Each structure stands twice: as C-alpha cells, then as structure tokens.
Amino acid sequence: MHELSLVNSILDQLEEISRSNYDRKIVRVDLKVGALEHIEPEVLKNIFDQVKEGSCAERAELVVSQEMALVRCRNCMMEYTPEDSIWICPRCEFLGGEIIKGTEIIIESVYLE
C-alpha cells in the first residue's frame, strides 16, 4: 500500500523534527500532495491516525491539501491543468506533455507543543 509507506516516511521525518526540537510533541502537520500522486487525502489521514500511536505525533492532526497538476505541451509550450488522465493540449491538441508540478509530497508546516 503506497499510502502506508508514505505515512511511515512522514512519521520518520516527524520523529527527527521532534528530536531536533528537544523532543517536543507534534500537534499538527500540514502536508501538500500533488494531484498526480493519486492519493486521497481522507485515506492518508485515516492511515496516519491508525499508525501514529506511540509516536511523537500521536496527538497530531494531519491537514492535507492537494496541489493541482500543471503540464507543459511539448508542441506549443502552453502550460495547462489536465482535466483527466489523457493529456491533450487545449491550444494545439497535442497529446502528452511535460509535468511541471503535481507529483510533489511536501511537509509544509509542523506545529510543536
């Protein structure tokens, strides 16, 4: 399960943040997830809530925001947000493109006790 390994990686990073801040507990985590990662925020929150027990984030709230995808047409160089899984440039109708954003997973903010 992709989401479980992601949550475990996030918890590892949170443990490091807690240790470097005198073992203060974490009360909130703001996470940005790119739309092309195909991760449902509610699924991610539920898994986080299930596995955070006993960690520095056991009372933390996970707030997930989703970043829209942005693609650049390789033909006319127009940047656009794809509407579905088939990327067709709205200007020249070229199929495909180069991903500019939408694959990131970023811990934006961590709030400590």
C-alpha atoms as a PDB file:
ATOM      1  CA  MET A   1       0.000   0.000   0.000  1.00  0.00           C
ATOM      2  CA  HIS A   2       1.563   3.245  -1.210  1.00  0.00           C
ATOM      3  CA  GLU A   3      -0.142   5.404   1.422  1.00  0.00           C
ATOM      4  CA  LEU A   4       1.153   3.310   4.333  1.00  0.00           C
ATOM      5  CA  SER A   5       4.782   3.630   3.221  1.00  0.00           C
ATOM      6  CA  LEU A   6       4.242   7.362   2.697  1.00  0.00           C
ATOM      7  CA  VAL A   7       2.830   7.780   6.213  1.00  0.00           C
ATOM      8  CA  ASN A   8       5.724   5.787   7.693  1.00  0.00           C
ATOM      9  CA  SER A   9       8.186   8.054   5.869  1.00  0.00           C
ATOM     10  CA  ILE A  10       6.367  11.146   7.158  1.00  0.00           C
ATOM     11  CA  LEU A  11       6.457   9.789  10.716  1.00  0.00           C
ATOM     12  CA  ASP A  12      10.207   9.154  10.405  1.00  0.00           C
ATOM     13  CA  GLN A  13      10.693  12.781   9.385  1.00  0.00           C
ATOM     14  CA  LEU A  14       8.463  13.987  12.221  1.00  0.00           C
ATOM     15  CA  GLU A  15      10.477  11.966  14.740  1.00  0.00           C
ATOM     16  CA  GLU A  16      13.631  13.711  13.508  1.00  0.00           C
ATOM     17  CA  ILE A  17      11.971  17.121  13.767  1.00  0.00           C
ATOM     18  CA  SER A  18      10.804  16.310  17.298  1.00  0.00           C
ATOM     19  CA  ARG A  19      14.281  15.121  18.360  1.00  0.00           C
ATOM     20  CA  SER A  20      15.938  18.250  16.981  1.00  0.00           C
ATOM     21  CA  ASN A  21      13.452  20.378  18.954  1.00  0.00           C
ATOM     22  CA  TYR A  22      14.109  18.928  22.428  1.00  0.00           C
ATOM     23  CA  ASP A  23      11.662  16.031  21.926  1.00  0.00           C
ATOM     24  CA  ARG A  24       8.642  18.325  21.792  1.00  0.00           C
ATOM     25  CA  LYS A  25       5.437  16.620  20.721  1.00  0.00           C
ATOM     26  CA  ILE A  26       3.879  17.444  17.369  1.00  0.00           C
ATOM     27  CA  VAL A  27       0.298  18.705  17.352  1.00  0.00           C
ATOM     28  CA  ARG A  28      -0.312  19.443  13.673  1.00  0.00           C
ATOM     29  CA  VAL A  29       1.236  18.631  10.302  1.00  0.00           C
ATOM     30  CA  ASP A  30       0.355  20.447   7.072  1.00  0.00           C
ATOM     31  CA  LEU A  31       1.076  18.289   4.038  1.00  0.00           C
ATOM     32  CA  LYS A  32       0.817  19.209   0.348  1.00  0.00           C
ATOM     33  CA  VAL A  33       0.240  16.353  -2.093  1.00  0.00           C
ATOM     34  CA  GLY A  34       0.348  16.709  -5.869  1.00  0.00           C
ATOM     35  CA  ALA A  35      -2.748  15.587  -7.774  1.00  0.00           C
ATOM     36  CA  LEU A  36      -0.701  13.269  -9.997  1.00  0.00           C
ATOM     37  CA  GLU A  37       0.236  11.168  -6.965  1.00  0.00           C
ATOM     38  CA  HIS A  38      -3.384   9.913  -6.906  1.00  0.00           C
ATOM     39  CA  ILE A  39      -3.564   9.963  -3.123  1.00  0.00           C
ATOM     40  CA  GLU A  40      -6.907  10.518  -1.436  1.00  0.00           C
ATOM     41  CA  PRO A  41      -6.449  12.960   1.471  1.00  0.00           C
ATOM     42  CA  GLU A  42      -9.023  11.172   3.648  1.00  0.00           C
ATOM     43  CA  VAL A  43      -7.338   7.794   3.133  1.00  0.00           C
ATOM     44  CA  LEU A  44      -3.985   9.330   4.058  1.00  0.00           C
ATOM     45  CA  LYS A  45      -5.462  10.925   7.206  1.00  0.00           C
ATOM     46  CA  ASN A  46      -7.073   7.646   8.265  1.00  0.00           C
ATOM     47  CA  ILE A  47      -3.826   5.710   7.880  1.00  0.00           C
ATOM     48  CA  PHE A  48      -1.918   8.449   9.725  1.00  0.00           C
ATOM     49  CA  ASP A  49      -4.413   8.246  12.605  1.00  0.00           C
ATOM     50  CA  GLN A  50      -4.004   4.456  12.750  1.00  0.00           C
ATOM     51  CA  VAL A  51      -0.194   4.353  12.831  1.00  0.00           C
ATOM     52  CA  LYS A  52       0.749   7.486  14.808  1.00  0.00           C
ATOM     53  CA  GLU A  53       0.083   5.751  18.158  1.00  0.00           C
ATOM     54  CA  GLY A  54       3.157   5.844  20.380  1.00  0.00           C
ATOM     55  CA  SER A  55       4.991   8.344  18.176  1.00  0.00           C
ATOM     56  CA  CYS A  56       5.859  11.982  18.756  1.00  0.00           C
ATOM     57  CA  ALA A  57       2.777  12.788  16.660  1.00  0.00           C
ATOM     58  CA  GLU A  58       0.261  10.594  18.472  1.00  0.00           C
ATOM     59  CA  ARG A  59      -1.975  13.618  19.174  1.00  0.00           C
ATOM     60  CA  ALA A  60      -1.247  15.387  15.895  1.00  0.00           C
ATOM     61  CA  GLU A  61      -3.770  16.393  13.289  1.00  0.00           C
ATOM     62  CA  LEU A  62      -2.767  15.798   9.676  1.00  0.00           C
ATOM     63  CA  VAL A  63      -4.038  18.505   7.320  1.00  0.00           C
ATOM     64  CA  VAL A  64      -3.688  17.544   3.653  1.00  0.00           C
ATOM     65  CA  SER A  65      -4.034  19.965   0.766  1.00  0.00           C
ATOM     66  CA  GLN A  66      -3.928  18.848  -2.820  1.00  0.00           C
ATOM     67  CA  GLU A  67      -1.817  20.691  -5.404  1.00  0.00           C
ATOM     68  CA  MET A  68      -3.253  20.834  -8.911  1.00  0.00           C
ATOM     69  CA  ALA A  69      -1.225  19.342 -11.728  1.00  0.00           C
ATOM     70  CA  LEU A  70       0.449  21.586 -14.280  1.00  0.00           C
ATOM     71  CA  VAL A  71       1.653  20.254 -17.635  1.00  0.00           C
ATOM     72  CA  ARG A  72       3.588  21.920 -20.467  1.00  0.00           C
ATOM     73  CA  CYS A  73       2.704  20.990 -24.043  1.00  0.00           C
ATOM     74  CA  ARG A  74       5.791  19.732 -25.877  1.00  0.00           C
ATOM     75  CA  ASN A  75       4.483  21.111 -29.144  1.00  0.00           C
ATOM     76  CA  CYS A  76       3.321  24.704 -28.428  1.00  0.00           C
ATOM     77  CA  MET A  77       4.764  25.065 -24.868  1.00  0.00           C
ATOM     78  CA  MET A  78       1.417  26.095 -23.366  1.00  0.00           C
ATOM     79  CA  GLU A  79       1.072  25.295 -19.666  1.00  0.00           C
ATOM     80  CA  TYR A  80      -2.270  23.831 -18.612  1.00  0.00           C
ATOM     81  CA  THR A  81      -4.002  21.775 -15.938  1.00  0.00           C
ATOM     82  CA  PRO A  82      -5.091  18.436 -17.412  1.00  0.00           C
ATOM     83  CA  GLU A  83      -8.752  17.605 -16.922  1.00  0.00           C
ATOM     84  CA  ASP A  84      -8.301  13.826 -16.891  1.00  0.00           C
ATOM     85  CA  SER A  85      -5.663  11.138 -17.331  1.00  0.00           C
ATOM     86  CA  ILE A  86      -5.328  11.779 -21.064  1.00  0.00           C
ATOM     87  CA  TRP A  87      -3.385  14.994 -21.530  1.00  0.00           C
ATOM     88  CA  ILE A  88      -4.500  16.923 -24.591  1.00  0.00           C
ATOM     89  CA  CYS A  89      -3.280  20.481 -25.042  1.00  0.00           C
ATOM     90  CA  PRO A  90      -6.244  22.865 -25.151  1.00  0.00           C
ATOM     91  CA  ARG A  91      -4.434  25.083 -27.653  1.00  0.00           C
ATOM     92  CA  CYS A  92      -2.944  22.737 -30.272  1.00  0.00           C
ATOM     93  CA  GLU A  93      -4.497  19.379 -29.224  1.00  0.00           C
ATOM     94  CA  PHE A  94      -1.066  17.734 -28.957  1.00  0.00           C
ATOM     95  CA  LEU A  95      -1.219  14.551 -26.906  1.00  0.00           C
ATOM     96  CA  GLY A  96       1.004  14.312 -23.825  1.00  0.00           C
ATOM     97  CA  GLY A  97       3.268  16.827 -22.164  1.00  0.00           C
ATOM     98  CA  GLU A  98       5.924  17.525 -19.585  1.00  0.00           C
ATOM     99  CA  ILE A  99       4.963  17.557 -15.901  1.00  0.00           C
ATOM    100  CA  ILE A 100       5.757  20.881 -14.246  1.00  0.00           C
ATOM    101  CA  LYS A 101       4.040  20.230 -10.925  1.00  0.00           C
ATOM    102  CA  GLY A 102       1.663  17.775  -9.375  1.00  0.00           C
ATOM    103  CA  THR A 103       3.965  14.977  -8.194  1.00  0.00           C
ATOM    104  CA  GLU A 104       5.271  16.580  -5.019  1.00  0.00           C
ATOM    105  CA  ILE A 105       4.658  15.457  -1.462  1.00  0.00           C
ATOM    106  CA  ILE A 106       5.813  18.209   0.878  1.00  0.00           C
ATOM    107  CA  ILE A 107       5.611  18.661   4.624  1.00  0.00           C
ATOM    108  CA  GLU A 108       4.788  22.366   4.593  1.00  0.00           C
ATOM    109  CA  SER A 109       4.443  23.048   8.328  1.00  0.00           C
ATOM    110  CA  VAL A 110       4.923  21.233  11.603  1.00  0.00           C
ATOM    111  CA  TYR A 111       3.409  22.652  14.778  1.00  0.00           C
ATOM    112  CA  LEU A 112       5.032  21.707  18.065  1.00  0.00           C
ATOM    113  CA  GLU A 113       3.585  21.552  21.577  1.00  0.00           C
END
